[in-house]
Full PDB file with SEQRES, HELIX, SHEET, SSBOND, CRYST1, ORIGX, SCALE, CONECT and MASTER records, all heavy atoms in Angstrom:
SEQRES   1 A   32  GLY ASN TRP ASN GLU ASN THR ARG THR ALA ALA GLY GLN          
SEQRES   2 A   32  CYS GLY ILE GLU ALA LEU VAL LEU TRP ARG GLU SER MET          
SEQRES   3 A   32  GLN ILE ALA ASN MET GLN                                      
HELIX    1 AA1 GLU A    5  GLN A   13  1                                   9    
CRYST1    1.000    1.000    1.000  90.00  90.00  90.00 P 1           1          
ORIGX1      1.000000  0.000000  0.000000        0.00000                         
ORIGX2      0.000000  1.000000  0.000000        0.00000                         
ORIGX3      0.000000  0.000000  1.000000        0.00000                         
SCALE1      1.000000  0.000000  0.000000        0.00000                         
SCALE2      0.000000  1.000000  0.000000        0.00000                         
SCALE3      0.000000  0.000000  1.000000        0.00000                         
ATOM      1  N   GLY A   1     -84.436   3.999 -30.523  1.00  0.00           N  
ATOM      2  CA  GLY A   1     -84.973   5.219 -31.108  1.00  0.00           C  
ATOM      3  C   GLY A   1     -84.765   5.309 -32.611  1.00  0.00           C  
ATOM      4  O   GLY A   1     -84.963   6.342 -33.223  1.00  0.00           O  
ATOM      5  N   ASN A   2     -84.387   4.211 -33.257  1.00  0.00           N  
ATOM      6  CA  ASN A   2     -84.042   4.185 -34.682  1.00  0.00           C  
ATOM      7  C   ASN A   2     -85.243   3.766 -35.514  1.00  0.00           C  
ATOM      8  O   ASN A   2     -85.823   2.690 -35.278  1.00  0.00           O  
ATOM      9  CB  ASN A   2     -82.900   3.264 -34.951  1.00  0.00           C  
ATOM     10  CG  ASN A   2     -81.543   3.840 -34.452  1.00  0.00           C  
ATOM     11  OD1 ASN A   2     -81.482   4.990 -34.063  1.00  0.00           O  
ATOM     12  ND2 ASN A   2     -80.513   2.998 -34.404  1.00  0.00           N  
ATOM     13  N   TRP A   3     -85.590   4.547 -36.494  1.00  0.00           N  
ATOM     14  CA  TRP A   3     -86.720   4.287 -37.359  1.00  0.00           C  
ATOM     15  C   TRP A   3     -86.532   4.936 -38.723  1.00  0.00           C  
ATOM     16  O   TRP A   3     -85.648   5.789 -38.875  1.00  0.00           O  
ATOM     17  CB  TRP A   3     -88.018   4.796 -36.719  1.00  0.00           C  
ATOM     18  CG  TRP A   3     -88.011   6.292 -36.485  1.00  0.00           C  
ATOM     19  CD1 TRP A   3     -87.482   6.959 -35.442  1.00  0.00           C  
ATOM     20  CD2 TRP A   3     -88.554   7.269 -37.384  1.00  0.00           C  
ATOM     21  NE1 TRP A   3     -87.642   8.328 -35.585  1.00  0.00           N  
ATOM     22  CE2 TRP A   3     -88.297   8.532 -36.776  1.00  0.00           C  
ATOM     23  CE3 TRP A   3     -89.229   7.222 -38.598  1.00  0.00           C  
ATOM     24  CZ2 TRP A   3     -88.707   9.745 -37.370  1.00  0.00           C  
ATOM     25  CZ3 TRP A   3     -89.616   8.431 -39.175  1.00  0.00           C  
ATOM     26  CH2 TRP A   3     -89.354   9.664 -38.559  1.00  0.00           C  
ATOM     27  N   ASN A   4     -87.312   4.544 -39.669  1.00  0.00           N  
ATOM     28  CA  ASN A   4     -87.335   5.210 -40.968  1.00  0.00           C  
ATOM     29  C   ASN A   4     -88.797   5.177 -41.528  1.00  0.00           C  
ATOM     30  O   ASN A   4     -89.690   4.742 -40.791  1.00  0.00           O  
ATOM     31  CB  ASN A   4     -86.351   4.593 -41.970  1.00  0.00           C  
ATOM     32  CG  ASN A   4     -86.529   3.098 -42.166  1.00  0.00           C  
ATOM     33  OD1 ASN A   4     -87.634   2.570 -41.955  1.00  0.00           O  
ATOM     34  ND2 ASN A   4     -85.474   2.392 -42.555  1.00  0.00           N  
ATOM     35  N   GLU A   5     -88.970   5.545 -42.744  1.00  0.00           N  
ATOM     36  CA  GLU A   5     -90.327   5.598 -43.264  1.00  0.00           C  
ATOM     37  C   GLU A   5     -90.949   4.226 -43.378  1.00  0.00           C  
ATOM     38  O   GLU A   5     -92.167   4.077 -43.247  1.00  0.00           O  
ATOM     39  CB  GLU A   5     -90.361   6.308 -44.616  1.00  0.00           C  
ATOM     40  CG  GLU A   5     -90.105   7.826 -44.503  1.00  0.00           C  
ATOM     41  CD  GLU A   5     -91.069   8.532 -43.544  1.00  0.00           C  
ATOM     42  OE1 GLU A   5     -92.303   8.239 -43.601  1.00  0.00           O  
ATOM     43  OE2 GLU A   5     -90.620   9.317 -42.734  1.00  0.00           O  
ATOM     44  N   ASN A   6     -90.135   3.195 -43.580  1.00  0.00           N  
ATOM     45  CA  ASN A   6     -90.678   1.832 -43.577  1.00  0.00           C  
ATOM     46  C   ASN A   6     -91.238   1.474 -42.208  1.00  0.00           C  
ATOM     47  O   ASN A   6     -92.219   0.710 -42.101  1.00  0.00           O  
ATOM     48  CB  ASN A   6     -89.594   0.811 -43.981  1.00  0.00           C  
ATOM     49  CG  ASN A   6     -89.297   0.807 -45.466  1.00  0.00           C  
ATOM     50  OD1 ASN A   6     -90.163   1.166 -46.276  1.00  0.00           O  
ATOM     51  ND2 ASN A   6     -88.128   0.381 -45.835  1.00  0.00           N  
ATOM     52  N   THR A   7     -90.610   2.020 -41.157  1.00  0.00           N  
ATOM     53  CA  THR A   7     -91.092   1.760 -39.810  1.00  0.00           C  
ATOM     54  C   THR A   7     -92.457   2.368 -39.629  1.00  0.00           C  
ATOM     55  O   THR A   7     -93.388   1.706 -39.074  1.00  0.00           O  
ATOM     56  CB  THR A   7     -90.131   2.347 -38.736  1.00  0.00           C  
ATOM     57  OG1 THR A   7     -88.794   1.991 -39.076  1.00  0.00           O  
ATOM     58  CG2 THR A   7     -90.486   1.883 -37.369  1.00  0.00           C  
ATOM     59  N   ARG A   8     -92.649   3.569 -40.069  1.00  0.00           N  
ATOM     60  CA  ARG A   8     -93.951   4.238 -39.950  1.00  0.00           C  
ATOM     61  C   ARG A   8     -95.017   3.513 -40.722  1.00  0.00           C  
ATOM     62  O   ARG A   8     -96.158   3.328 -40.233  1.00  0.00           O  
ATOM     63  CB  ARG A   8     -93.851   5.703 -40.404  1.00  0.00           C  
ATOM     64  CG  ARG A   8     -92.905   6.550 -39.608  1.00  0.00           C  
ATOM     65  CD  ARG A   8     -92.739   7.928 -40.218  1.00  0.00           C  
ATOM     66  NE  ARG A   8     -93.824   8.791 -39.846  1.00  0.00           N  
ATOM     67  CZ  ARG A   8     -93.961  10.042 -40.264  1.00  0.00           C  
ATOM     68  NH1 ARG A   8     -93.100  10.550 -41.131  1.00  0.00           N  
ATOM     69  NH2 ARG A   8     -94.965  10.800 -39.862  1.00  0.00           N  
ATOM     70  N   THR A   9     -94.670   3.076 -41.919  1.00  0.00           N  
ATOM     71  CA  THR A   9     -95.633   2.344 -42.746  1.00  0.00           C  
ATOM     72  C   THR A   9     -96.011   1.025 -42.093  1.00  0.00           C  
ATOM     73  O   THR A   9     -97.208   0.691 -41.987  1.00  0.00           O  
ATOM     74  CB  THR A   9     -95.063   2.095 -44.142  1.00  0.00           C  
ATOM     75  OG1 THR A   9     -94.783   3.319 -44.786  1.00  0.00           O  
ATOM     76  CG2 THR A   9     -96.036   1.301 -45.008  1.00  0.00           C  
ATOM     77  N   ALA A  10     -95.007   0.291 -41.657  1.00  0.00           N  
ATOM     78  CA  ALA A  10     -95.278  -1.023 -41.013  1.00  0.00           C  
ATOM     79  C   ALA A  10     -96.089  -0.830 -39.762  1.00  0.00           C  
ATOM     80  O   ALA A  10     -97.021  -1.596 -39.452  1.00  0.00           O  
ATOM     81  CB  ALA A  10     -93.953  -1.711 -40.691  1.00  0.00           C  
ATOM     82  N   ALA A  11     -95.749   0.164 -38.926  1.00  0.00           N  
ATOM     83  CA  ALA A  11     -96.457   0.410 -37.701  1.00  0.00           C  
ATOM     84  C   ALA A  11     -97.943   0.668 -38.003  1.00  0.00           C  
ATOM     85  O   ALA A  11     -98.835   0.145 -37.327  1.00  0.00           O  
ATOM     86  CB  ALA A  11     -95.842   1.586 -36.972  1.00  0.00           C  
ATOM     87  N   GLY A  12     -98.231   1.519 -38.980  1.00  0.00           N  
ATOM     88  CA  GLY A  12     -99.594   1.775 -39.356  1.00  0.00           C  
ATOM     89  C   GLY A  12    -100.329   0.558 -39.807  1.00  0.00           C  
ATOM     90  O   GLY A  12    -101.519   0.348 -39.440  1.00  0.00           O  
ATOM     91  N   GLN A  13     -99.650  -0.281 -40.568  1.00  0.00           N  
ATOM     92  CA  GLN A  13    -100.288  -1.539 -41.036  1.00  0.00           C  
ATOM     93  C   GLN A  13    -100.590  -2.501 -39.890  1.00  0.00           C  
ATOM     94  O   GLN A  13    -101.492  -3.310 -39.997  1.00  0.00           O  
ATOM     95  CB  GLN A  13     -99.362  -2.192 -42.061  1.00  0.00           C  
ATOM     96  CG  GLN A  13     -99.227  -1.430 -43.383  1.00  0.00           C  
ATOM     97  CD  GLN A  13     -98.147  -1.981 -44.283  1.00  0.00           C  
ATOM     98  OE1 GLN A  13     -97.258  -2.732 -43.829  1.00  0.00           O  
ATOM     99  NE2 GLN A  13     -98.161  -1.596 -45.576  1.00  0.00           N  
ATOM    100  N   CYS A  14     -99.799  -2.380 -38.834  1.00  0.00           N  
ATOM    101  CA  CYS A  14     -99.999  -3.268 -37.662  1.00  0.00           C  
ATOM    102  C   CYS A  14    -100.938  -2.697 -36.618  1.00  0.00           C  
ATOM    103  O   CYS A  14    -101.159  -3.309 -35.580  1.00  0.00           O  
ATOM    104  CB  CYS A  14     -98.645  -3.535 -37.008  1.00  0.00           C  
ATOM    105  SG  CYS A  14     -97.432  -4.382 -38.071  1.00  0.00           S  
ATOM    106  N   GLY A  15    -101.510  -1.527 -36.887  1.00  0.00           N  
ATOM    107  CA  GLY A  15    -102.488  -0.958 -35.966  1.00  0.00           C  
ATOM    108  C   GLY A  15    -101.897   0.007 -34.925  1.00  0.00           C  
ATOM    109  O   GLY A  15    -102.609   0.405 -33.992  1.00  0.00           O  
ATOM    110  N   ILE A  16    -100.648   0.378 -35.095  1.00  0.00           N  
ATOM    111  CA  ILE A  16    -100.002   1.357 -34.218  1.00  0.00           C  
ATOM    112  C   ILE A  16    -100.444   2.757 -34.548  1.00  0.00           C  
ATOM    113  O   ILE A  16    -100.516   3.129 -35.731  1.00  0.00           O  
ATOM    114  CB  ILE A  16     -98.460   1.229 -34.296  1.00  0.00           C  
ATOM    115  CG1 ILE A  16     -98.021  -0.161 -33.809  1.00  0.00           C  
ATOM    116  CG2 ILE A  16     -97.770   2.329 -33.534  1.00  0.00           C  
ATOM    117  CD1 ILE A  16     -98.283  -0.394 -32.314  1.00  0.00           C  
ATOM    118  N   GLU A  17    -100.715   3.570 -33.554  1.00  0.00           N  
ATOM    119  CA  GLU A  17    -101.183   4.936 -33.752  1.00  0.00           C  
ATOM    120  C   GLU A  17    -100.097   6.004 -33.637  1.00  0.00           C  
ATOM    121  O   GLU A  17    -100.215   7.114 -34.095  1.00  0.00           O  
ATOM    122  CB  GLU A  17    -102.319   5.262 -32.778  1.00  0.00           C  
ATOM    123  CG  GLU A  17    -103.533   4.359 -32.976  1.00  0.00           C  
ATOM    124  CD  GLU A  17    -104.627   4.606 -31.931  1.00  0.00           C  
ATOM    125  OE1 GLU A  17    -104.570   5.667 -31.262  1.00  0.00           O  
ATOM    126  OE2 GLU A  17    -105.476   3.737 -31.765  1.00  0.00           O  
ATOM    127  N   ALA A  18     -98.972   5.622 -32.961  1.00  0.00           N  
ATOM    128  CA  ALA A  18     -97.850   6.605 -32.813  1.00  0.00           C  
ATOM    129  C   ALA A  18     -96.583   5.883 -32.450  1.00  0.00           C  
ATOM    130  O   ALA A  18     -96.622   4.857 -31.710  1.00  0.00           O  
ATOM    131  CB  ALA A  18     -98.188   7.656 -31.738  1.00  0.00           C  
ATOM    132  N   LEU A  19     -95.438   6.370 -32.960  1.00  0.00           N  
ATOM    133  CA  LEU A  19     -94.134   5.941 -32.489  1.00  0.00           C  
ATOM    134  C   LEU A  19     -93.715   6.899 -31.396  1.00  0.00           C  
ATOM    135  O   LEU A  19     -93.754   8.111 -31.579  1.00  0.00           O  
ATOM    136  CB  LEU A  19     -93.104   5.966 -33.627  1.00  0.00           C  
ATOM    137  CG  LEU A  19     -93.398   5.100 -34.841  1.00  0.00           C  
ATOM    138  CD1 LEU A  19     -92.202   5.157 -35.831  1.00  0.00           C  
ATOM    139  CD2 LEU A  19     -93.725   3.676 -34.488  1.00  0.00           C  
ATOM    140  N   VAL A  20     -93.307   6.354 -30.252  1.00  0.00           N  
ATOM    141  CA  VAL A  20     -93.011   7.157 -29.080  1.00  0.00           C  
ATOM    142  C   VAL A  20     -91.522   7.159 -28.797  1.00  0.00           C  
ATOM    143  O   VAL A  20     -90.948   6.102 -28.474  1.00  0.00           O  
ATOM    144  CB  VAL A  20     -93.831   6.654 -27.852  1.00  0.00           C  
ATOM    145  CG1 VAL A  20     -93.509   7.532 -26.640  1.00  0.00           C  
ATOM    146  CG2 VAL A  20     -95.330   6.698 -28.155  1.00  0.00           C  
ATOM    147  N   LEU A  21     -90.900   8.327 -28.840  1.00  0.00           N  
ATOM    148  CA  LEU A  21     -89.502   8.466 -28.467  1.00  0.00           C  
ATOM    149  C   LEU A  21     -89.435   9.098 -27.059  1.00  0.00           C  
ATOM    150  O   LEU A  21     -90.237   8.765 -26.221  1.00  0.00           O  
ATOM    151  CB  LEU A  21     -88.756   9.289 -29.522  1.00  0.00           C  
ATOM    152  CG  LEU A  21     -88.837   8.719 -30.948  1.00  0.00           C  
ATOM    153  CD1 LEU A  21     -87.999   9.552 -31.908  1.00  0.00           C  
ATOM    154  CD2 LEU A  21     -88.378   7.269 -31.001  1.00  0.00           C  
ATOM    155  N   TRP A  22     -88.501  10.005 -26.813  1.00  0.00           N  
ATOM    156  CA  TRP A  22     -88.349  10.559 -25.465  1.00  0.00           C  
ATOM    157  C   TRP A  22     -87.588  11.852 -25.502  1.00  0.00           C  
ATOM    158  O   TRP A  22     -86.906  12.201 -26.460  1.00  0.00           O  
ATOM    159  CB  TRP A  22     -87.650   9.564 -24.570  1.00  0.00           C  
ATOM    160  CG  TRP A  22     -86.279   9.145 -25.018  1.00  0.00           C  
ATOM    161  CD1 TRP A  22     -85.075   9.749 -24.716  1.00  0.00           C  
ATOM    162  CD2 TRP A  22     -85.955   8.049 -25.917  1.00  0.00           C  
ATOM    163  NE1 TRP A  22     -84.039   9.090 -25.343  1.00  0.00           N  
ATOM    164  CE2 TRP A  22     -84.555   8.050 -26.081  1.00  0.00           C  
ATOM    165  CE3 TRP A  22     -86.728   7.105 -26.593  1.00  0.00           C  
ATOM    166  CZ2 TRP A  22     -83.901   7.120 -26.872  1.00  0.00           C  
ATOM    167  CZ3 TRP A  22     -86.080   6.165 -27.374  1.00  0.00           C  
ATOM    168  CH2 TRP A  22     -84.679   6.187 -27.531  1.00  0.00           C  
ATOM    169  N   ARG A  23     -87.655  12.592 -24.372  1.00  0.00           N  
ATOM    170  CA  ARG A  23     -86.892  13.862 -24.195  1.00  0.00           C  
ATOM    171  C   ARG A  23     -85.787  13.692 -23.162  1.00  0.00           C  
ATOM    172  O   ARG A  23     -84.767  14.344 -23.253  1.00  0.00           O  
ATOM    173  CB  ARG A  23     -87.817  14.965 -23.752  1.00  0.00           C  
ATOM    174  CG  ARG A  23     -88.633  15.551 -24.883  1.00  0.00           C  
ATOM    175  CD  ARG A  23     -87.792  16.258 -25.860  1.00  0.00           C  
ATOM    176  NE  ARG A  23     -88.554  16.894 -26.894  1.00  0.00           N  
ATOM    177  CZ  ARG A  23     -88.003  17.448 -28.002  1.00  0.00           C  
ATOM    178  NH1 ARG A  23     -86.705  17.455 -28.120  1.00  0.00           N  
ATOM    179  NH2 ARG A  23     -88.744  18.014 -28.871  1.00  0.00           N  
ATOM    180  N   GLU A  24     -86.039  12.854 -22.163  1.00  0.00           N  
ATOM    181  CA  GLU A  24     -85.025  12.589 -21.123  1.00  0.00           C  
ATOM    182  C   GLU A  24     -84.869  11.111 -20.953  1.00  0.00           C  
ATOM    183  O   GLU A  24     -85.809  10.343 -21.193  1.00  0.00           O  
ATOM    184  CB  GLU A  24     -85.421  13.199 -19.758  1.00  0.00           C  
ATOM    185  CG  GLU A  24     -85.386  14.718 -19.707  1.00  0.00           C  
ATOM    186  CD  GLU A  24     -86.640  15.370 -20.280  1.00  0.00           C  
ATOM    187  OE1 GLU A  24     -87.729  14.742 -20.241  1.00  0.00           O  
ATOM    188  OE2 GLU A  24     -86.541  16.495 -20.815  1.00  0.00           O  
ATOM    189  N   SER A  25     -83.677  10.694 -20.554  1.00  0.00           N  
ATOM    190  CA  SER A  25     -83.442   9.287 -20.200  1.00  0.00           C  
ATOM    191  C   SER A  25     -82.837   9.210 -18.800  1.00  0.00           C  
ATOM    192  O   SER A  25     -81.981   9.974 -18.456  1.00  0.00           O  
ATOM    193  CB  SER A  25     -82.534   8.623 -21.228  1.00  0.00           C  
ATOM    194  OG  SER A  25     -81.287   9.238 -21.277  1.00  0.00           O  
ATOM    195  N   MET A  26     -83.379   8.274 -18.021  1.00  0.00           N  
ATOM    196  CA  MET A  26     -82.938   8.134 -16.653  1.00  0.00           C  
ATOM    197  C   MET A  26     -81.782   7.143 -16.564  1.00  0.00           C  
ATOM    198  O   MET A  26     -81.843   6.036 -17.099  1.00  0.00           O  
ATOM    199  CB  MET A  26     -84.095   7.641 -15.773  1.00  0.00           C  
ATOM    200  CG  MET A  26     -83.762   7.574 -14.297  1.00  0.00           C  
ATOM    201  SD  MET A  26     -83.359   9.211 -13.647  1.00  0.00           S  
ATOM    202  CE  MET A  26     -82.358   8.805 -12.216  1.00  0.00           C  
ATOM    203  N   GLN A  27     -80.695   7.585 -15.929  1.00  0.00           N  
ATOM    204  CA  GLN A  27     -79.560   6.715 -15.686  1.00  0.00           C  
ATOM    205  C   GLN A  27     -79.637   6.123 -14.302  1.00  0.00           C  
ATOM    206  O   GLN A  27     -80.753   5.742 -13.885  1.00  0.00           O  
ATOM    207  CB  GLN A  27     -78.264   7.524 -15.900  1.00  0.00           C  
ATOM    208  CG  GLN A  27     -78.198   8.275 -17.271  1.00  0.00           C  
ATOM    209  CD  GLN A  27     -78.308   7.327 -18.431  1.00  0.00           C  
ATOM    210  OE1 GLN A  27     -77.530   6.370 -18.530  1.00  0.00           O  
ATOM    211  NE2 GLN A  27     -79.269   7.570 -19.312  1.00  0.00           N  
ATOM    212  N   ILE A  28     -78.610   6.068 -13.523  1.00  0.00           N  
ATOM    213  CA  ILE A  28     -78.660   5.502 -12.179  1.00  0.00           C  
ATOM    214  C   ILE A  28     -79.156   6.551 -11.179  1.00  0.00           C  
ATOM    215  O   ILE A  28     -80.112   6.346 -10.462  1.00  0.00           O  
ATOM    216  CB  ILE A  28     -77.270   4.950 -11.752  1.00  0.00           C  
ATOM    217  CG1 ILE A  28     -76.887   3.816 -12.722  1.00  0.00           C  
ATOM    218  CG2 ILE A  28     -77.353   4.436 -10.314  1.00  0.00           C  
ATOM    219  CD1 ILE A  28     -75.450   3.371 -12.510  1.00  0.00           C  
ATOM    220  N   ALA A  29     -78.467   7.673 -11.176  1.00  0.00           N  
ATOM    221  CA  ALA A  29     -78.826   8.758 -10.242  1.00  0.00           C  
ATOM    222  C   ALA A  29     -79.248  10.008 -10.986  1.00  0.00           C  
ATOM    223  O   ALA A  29     -79.953  10.868 -10.407  1.00  0.00           O  
ATOM    224  CB  ALA A  29     -77.685   9.055  -9.304  1.00  0.00           C  
ATOM    225  N   ASN A  30     -78.807  10.180 -12.193  1.00  0.00           N  
ATOM    226  CA  ASN A  30     -79.031  11.415 -12.928  1.00  0.00           C  
ATOM    227  C   ASN A  30     -79.872  11.195 -14.166  1.00  0.00           C  
ATOM    228  O   ASN A  30     -79.975  10.100 -14.683  1.00  0.00           O  
ATOM    229  CB  ASN A  30     -77.681  12.033 -13.329  1.00  0.00           C  
ATOM    230  CG  ASN A  30     -76.882  12.469 -12.132  1.00  0.00           C  
ATOM    231  OD1 ASN A  30     -77.382  13.095 -11.243  1.00  0.00           O  
ATOM    232  ND2 ASN A  30     -75.618  12.076 -12.122  1.00  0.00           N  
ATOM    233  N   MET A  31     -80.475  12.285 -14.595  1.00  0.00           N  
ATOM    234  CA  MET A  31     -81.286  12.274 -15.768  1.00  0.00           C  
ATOM    235  C   MET A  31     -80.552  12.953 -16.904  1.00  0.00           C  
ATOM    236  O   MET A  31     -79.915  14.008 -16.713  1.00  0.00           O  
ATOM    237  CB  MET A  31     -82.593  13.023 -15.497  1.00  0.00           C  
ATOM    238  CG  MET A  31     -83.701  12.788 -16.496  1.00  0.00           C  
ATOM    239  SD  MET A  31     -85.282  13.500 -15.965  1.00  0.00           S  
ATOM    240  CE  MET A  31     -85.767  12.386 -14.647  1.00  0.00           C  
ATOM    241  N   GLN A  32     -80.553  12.317 -18.069  1.00  0.00           N  
ATOM    242  CA  GLN A  32     -79.883  12.915 -19.242  1.00  0.00           C  
ATOM    243  C   GLN A  32     -80.930  13.650 -20.053  1.00  0.00           C  
ATOM    244  O   GLN A  32     -81.965  13.093 -20.399  1.00  0.00           O  
ATOM    245  CB  GLN A  32     -79.248  11.820 -20.081  1.00  0.00           C  
ATOM    246  CG  GLN A  32     -78.458  12.336 -21.294  1.00  0.00           C  
ATOM    247  CD  GLN A  32     -77.920  11.246 -22.131  1.00  0.00           C  
ATOM    248  OE1 GLN A  32     -78.650  10.312 -22.426  1.00  0.00           O  
ATOM    249  NE2 GLN A  32     -76.696  11.343 -22.556  1.00  0.00           N  
TER     250      GLN A  32                                                      
MASTER        0    0    0    1    0    0    0    6  249    1    0    3          
END                                                                             
C-alpha cells in the first residue's frame, strides 16, 4: 500500500488508470 507522487506519475506513464488500495484485509478467520 506504499506509494508517492512518483508512483502516480509512473503509473500514468505506464497506462495505469488507478492505484487500488483497500478498506478491509482478510486474515485466516477474521477480517481486519
